[in-house]
Amino acid sequence: MRKISTILLTAAFGGGLVLAAGPQPVLSQAAVTLVRVDVKAVAAGYRASKLTGQTVINDKNEKIGTLDDLIVGKDKVLFAVLQVGGFLGLGGHLVALPYEELQIDDAGKKITLPGASKDELKKLPEFTYET
């Protein structure tokens, strides 16, 4: 007698297909909800890959740092990591700020942190990446 494979292709909940290896729980289609978004509004936003590395200035047009990274917290809040001081990515002091504190021009080329200075930013706790 031939052994039947443990990979099963089964119809689930109204004709959707589920591929399972061995006994697996089957999720109902209600577990995933698709949301329509305004793709033009999304496309008009800022790409994180284009913002990172950009110079950050204050409202006096003084360079105060560089946008090192954007981090989405586990609570889905967005943070900006700035490198203050240093040269070519070396010796800088990293700080994390709420993303909403940054002012970004429409083209995404000018990033401003009003009221900030290098000295004030260096007084903030130093940020270190976990991984």
C-alpha atoms as a PDB file:
ATOM      1  CA  MET A   1       0.000   0.000   0.000  1.00  0.00           C
ATOM      2  CA  ARG A   2       1.353   3.466  -0.885  1.00  0.00           C
ATOM      3  CA  LYS A   3       1.929   5.991   1.847  1.00  0.00           C
ATOM      4  CA  ILE A   4      -0.263   9.093   1.466  1.00  0.00           C
ATOM      5  CA  SER A   5       1.649  12.377   1.640  1.00  0.00           C
ATOM      6  CA  THR A   6       1.030  14.614   4.648  1.00  0.00           C
ATOM      7  CA  ILE A   7       0.707  17.629   2.375  1.00  0.00           C
ATOM      8  CA  LEU A   8      -2.945  18.230   1.799  1.00  0.00           C
ATOM      9  CA  LEU A   9      -4.663  20.659  -0.475  1.00  0.00           C
ATOM     10  CA  THR A  10      -8.074  21.379   0.935  1.00  0.00           C
ATOM     11  CA  ALA A  11     -10.908  23.732   0.164  1.00  0.00           C
ATOM     12  CA  ALA A  12     -11.770  25.919   3.102  1.00  0.00           C
ATOM     13  CA  PHE A  13     -14.597  28.333   3.746  1.00  0.00           C
ATOM     14  CA  GLY A  14     -16.194  29.093   0.423  1.00  0.00           C
ATOM     15  CA  GLY A  15     -13.648  27.765  -2.034  1.00  0.00           C
ATOM     16  CA  GLY A  16     -10.417  29.350  -0.751  1.00  0.00           C
ATOM     17  CA  LEU A  17      -7.443  26.995  -0.816  1.00  0.00           C
ATOM     18  CA  VAL A  18      -5.183  26.147   2.102  1.00  0.00           C
ATOM     19  CA  LEU A  19      -1.887  24.259   1.752  1.00  0.00           C
ATOM     20  CA  ALA A  20      -0.986  22.433   4.945  1.00  0.00           C
ATOM     21  CA  ALA A  21       1.858  20.111   5.939  1.00  0.00           C
ATOM     22  CA  GLY A  22       0.504  17.754   8.551  1.00  0.00           C
ATOM     23  CA  PRO A  23      -2.262  18.818  10.912  1.00  0.00           C
ATOM     24  CA  GLN A  24      -2.512  22.607  10.840  1.00  0.00           C
ATOM     25  CA  PRO A  25      -5.235  24.933  12.108  1.00  0.00           C
ATOM     26  CA  VAL A  26      -7.264  26.414   9.292  1.00  0.00           C
ATOM     27  CA  LEU A  27      -7.870  30.154   9.540  1.00  0.00           C
ATOM     28  CA  SER A  28     -11.172  31.532   8.442  1.00  0.00           C
ATOM     29  CA  GLN A  29     -11.286  34.243   5.825  1.00  0.00           C
ATOM     30  CA  ALA A  30     -12.558  36.615   8.516  1.00  0.00           C
ATOM     31  CA  ALA A  31      -9.031  36.664   9.997  1.00  0.00           C
ATOM     32  CA  VAL A  32      -7.777  38.969   7.227  1.00  0.00           C
ATOM     33  CA  THR A  33      -9.498  42.164   6.197  1.00  0.00           C
ATOM     34  CA  LEU A  34      -8.352  44.044   3.141  1.00  0.00           C
ATOM     35  CA  VAL A  35      -8.444  47.819   3.362  1.00  0.00           C
ATOM     36  CA  ARG A  36      -8.479  50.061   0.332  1.00  0.00           C
ATOM     37  CA  VAL A  37      -6.056  52.955   0.518  1.00  0.00           C
ATOM     38  CA  ASP A  38      -5.737  56.073  -1.585  1.00  0.00           C
ATOM     39  CA  VAL A  39      -2.666  55.023  -3.563  1.00  0.00           C
ATOM     40  CA  LYS A  40      -2.090  58.553  -4.845  1.00  0.00           C
ATOM     41  CA  ALA A  41      -1.907  59.846  -1.257  1.00  0.00           C
ATOM     42  CA  VAL A  42       0.504  57.056  -0.333  1.00  0.00           C
ATOM     43  CA  ALA A  43       2.676  57.775  -3.377  1.00  0.00           C
ATOM     44  CA  ALA A  44       2.831  61.458  -2.387  1.00  0.00           C
ATOM     45  CA  GLY A  45       4.373  60.498   0.961  1.00  0.00           C
ATOM     46  CA  TYR A  46       8.044  60.212   1.886  1.00  0.00           C
ATOM     47  CA  ARG A  47      10.070  57.068   1.223  1.00  0.00           C
ATOM     48  CA  ALA A  48      12.162  56.120   4.248  1.00  0.00           C
ATOM     49  CA  SER A  49      14.991  55.051   1.946  1.00  0.00           C
ATOM     50  CA  LYS A  50      15.120  58.564   0.473  1.00  0.00           C
ATOM     51  CA  LEU A  51      14.945  60.363   3.851  1.00  0.00           C
ATOM     52  CA  THR A  52      17.723  58.438   5.579  1.00  0.00           C
ATOM     53  CA  GLY A  53      21.084  60.108   5.185  1.00  0.00           C
ATOM     54  CA  GLN A  54      19.509  63.546   4.687  1.00  0.00           C
ATOM     55  CA  THR A  55      20.863  66.529   6.587  1.00  0.00           C
ATOM     56  CA  VAL A  56      18.678  67.812   9.423  1.00  0.00           C
ATOM     57  CA  ILE A  57      18.728  71.545  10.126  1.00  0.00           C
ATOM     58  CA  ASN A  58      17.165  73.761  12.775  1.00  0.00           C
ATOM     59  CA  ASP A  59      14.980  76.804  12.175  1.00  0.00           C
ATOM     60  CA  LYS A  60      18.150  78.960  12.002  1.00  0.00           C
ATOM     61  CA  ASN A  61      19.284  76.905   8.978  1.00  0.00           C
ATOM     62  CA  GLU A  62      22.166  75.367  11.003  1.00  0.00           C
ATOM     63  CA  LYS A  63      23.080  71.735  10.350  1.00  0.00           C
ATOM     64  CA  ILE A  64      22.330  69.817  13.557  1.00  0.00           C
ATOM     65  CA  GLY A  65      22.628  66.234  12.362  1.00  0.00           C
ATOM     66  CA  THR A  66      21.739  63.563   9.855  1.00  0.00           C
ATOM     67  CA  LEU A  67      18.698  61.316   9.705  1.00  0.00           C
ATOM     68  CA  ASP A  68      20.216  57.906  10.437  1.00  0.00           C
ATOM     69  CA  ASP A  69      17.089  55.766  10.429  1.00  0.00           C
ATOM     70  CA  LEU A  70      13.341  55.548  10.966  1.00  0.00           C
ATOM     71  CA  ILE A  71      12.048  52.998  13.466  1.00  0.00           C
ATOM     72  CA  VAL A  72       8.509  51.747  13.919  1.00  0.00           C
ATOM     73  CA  GLY A  73       7.979  50.989  17.594  1.00  0.00           C
ATOM     74  CA  LYS A  74       6.085  47.884  18.650  1.00  0.00           C
ATOM     75  CA  ASP A  75       3.196  50.216  19.482  1.00  0.00           C
ATOM     76  CA  LYS A  76       3.339  51.347  15.807  1.00  0.00           C
ATOM     77  CA  VAL A  77       4.652  54.823  16.707  1.00  0.00           C
ATOM     78  CA  LEU A  78       7.287  56.139  14.306  1.00  0.00           C
ATOM     79  CA  PHE A  79      10.635  57.455  15.587  1.00  0.00           C
ATOM     80  CA  ALA A  80      13.472  59.267  13.853  1.00  0.00           C
ATOM     81  CA  VAL A  81      17.053  58.409  14.794  1.00  0.00           C
ATOM     82  CA  LEU A  82      19.419  61.330  14.284  1.00  0.00           C
ATOM     83  CA  GLN A  83      23.181  61.252  14.266  1.00  0.00           C
ATOM     84  CA  VAL A  84      24.556  64.380  15.878  1.00  0.00           C
ATOM     85  CA  GLY A  85      28.209  65.291  15.420  1.00  0.00           C
ATOM     86  CA  GLY A  86      30.754  62.884  14.040  1.00  0.00           C
ATOM     87  CA  PHE A  87      32.109  62.746  10.529  1.00  0.00           C
ATOM     88  CA  LEU A  88      30.990  60.408   7.738  1.00  0.00           C
ATOM     89  CA  GLY A  89      29.018  58.283  10.170  1.00  0.00           C
ATOM     90  CA  LEU A  90      31.841  57.892  12.685  1.00  0.00           C
ATOM     91  CA  GLY A  91      31.919  59.237  16.224  1.00  0.00           C
ATOM     92  CA  GLY A  92      28.396  60.615  16.159  1.00  0.00           C
ATOM     93  CA  HIS A  93      25.917  60.631  19.018  1.00  0.00           C
ATOM     94  CA  LEU A  94      22.630  58.906  18.078  1.00  0.00           C
ATOM     95  CA  VAL A  95      19.364  60.193  19.531  1.00  0.00           C
ATOM     96  CA  ALA A  96      15.773  59.052  19.004  1.00  0.00           C
ATOM     97  CA  LEU A  97      12.954  61.545  18.578  1.00  0.00           C
ATOM     98  CA  PRO A  98       9.279  61.264  17.704  1.00  0.00           C
ATOM     99  CA  TYR A  99       9.038  61.445  13.917  1.00  0.00           C
ATOM    100  CA  GLU A 100       6.266  64.035  14.158  1.00  0.00           C
ATOM    101  CA  GLU A 101       8.796  66.559  15.535  1.00  0.00           C
ATOM    102  CA  LEU A 102      10.454  66.740  12.118  1.00  0.00           C
ATOM    103  CA  GLN A 103       9.235  69.161   9.478  1.00  0.00           C
ATOM    104  CA  ILE A 104       9.806  67.891   5.953  1.00  0.00           C
ATOM    105  CA  ASP A 105       9.309  69.967   2.813  1.00  0.00           C
ATOM    106  CA  ASP A 106       7.041  68.691   0.047  1.00  0.00           C
ATOM    107  CA  ALA A 107       9.970  67.330  -1.984  1.00  0.00           C
ATOM    108  CA  GLY A 108      11.415  65.475   1.023  1.00  0.00           C
ATOM    109  CA  LYS A 109      14.746  67.259   0.586  1.00  0.00           C
ATOM    110  CA  LYS A 110      14.721  69.659   3.531  1.00  0.00           C
ATOM    111  CA  ILE A 111      14.277  68.230   7.029  1.00  0.00           C
ATOM    112  CA  THR A 112      13.972  70.713   9.881  1.00  0.00           C
ATOM    113  CA  LEU A 113      13.866  70.172  13.647  1.00  0.00           C
ATOM    114  CA  PRO A 114      12.730  73.573  14.951  1.00  0.00           C
ATOM    115  CA  GLY A 115      14.296  74.866  18.159  1.00  0.00           C
ATOM    116  CA  ALA A 116      17.019  72.208  18.250  1.00  0.00           C
ATOM    117  CA  SER A 117      20.772  72.633  18.479  1.00  0.00           C
ATOM    118  CA  LYS A 118      23.653  70.154  18.359  1.00  0.00           C
ATOM    119  CA  ASP A 119      24.446  70.869  22.008  1.00  0.00           C
ATOM    120  CA  GLU A 120      20.862  70.259  23.158  1.00  0.00           C
ATOM    121  CA  LEU A 121      20.585  67.061  21.124  1.00  0.00           C
ATOM    122  CA  LYS A 122      23.865  65.735  22.551  1.00  0.00           C
ATOM    123  CA  LYS A 123      22.347  66.095  26.043  1.00  0.00           C
ATOM    124  CA  LEU A 124      19.637  63.554  25.166  1.00  0.00           C
ATOM    125  CA  PRO A 125      20.177  59.919  26.117  1.00  0.00           C
ATOM    126  CA  GLU A 126      22.275  58.116  23.539  1.00  0.00           C
ATOM    127  CA  PHE A 127      20.333  55.696  21.382  1.00  0.00           C
ATOM    128  CA  THR A 128      21.811  52.284  20.555  1.00  0.00           C
ATOM    129  CA  TYR A 129      20.378  49.739  18.143  1.00  0.00           C
ATOM    130  CA  GLU A 130      19.335  46.391  19.648  1.00  0.00           C
ATOM    131  CA  THR A 131      20.408  44.407  16.596  1.00  0.00           C
END
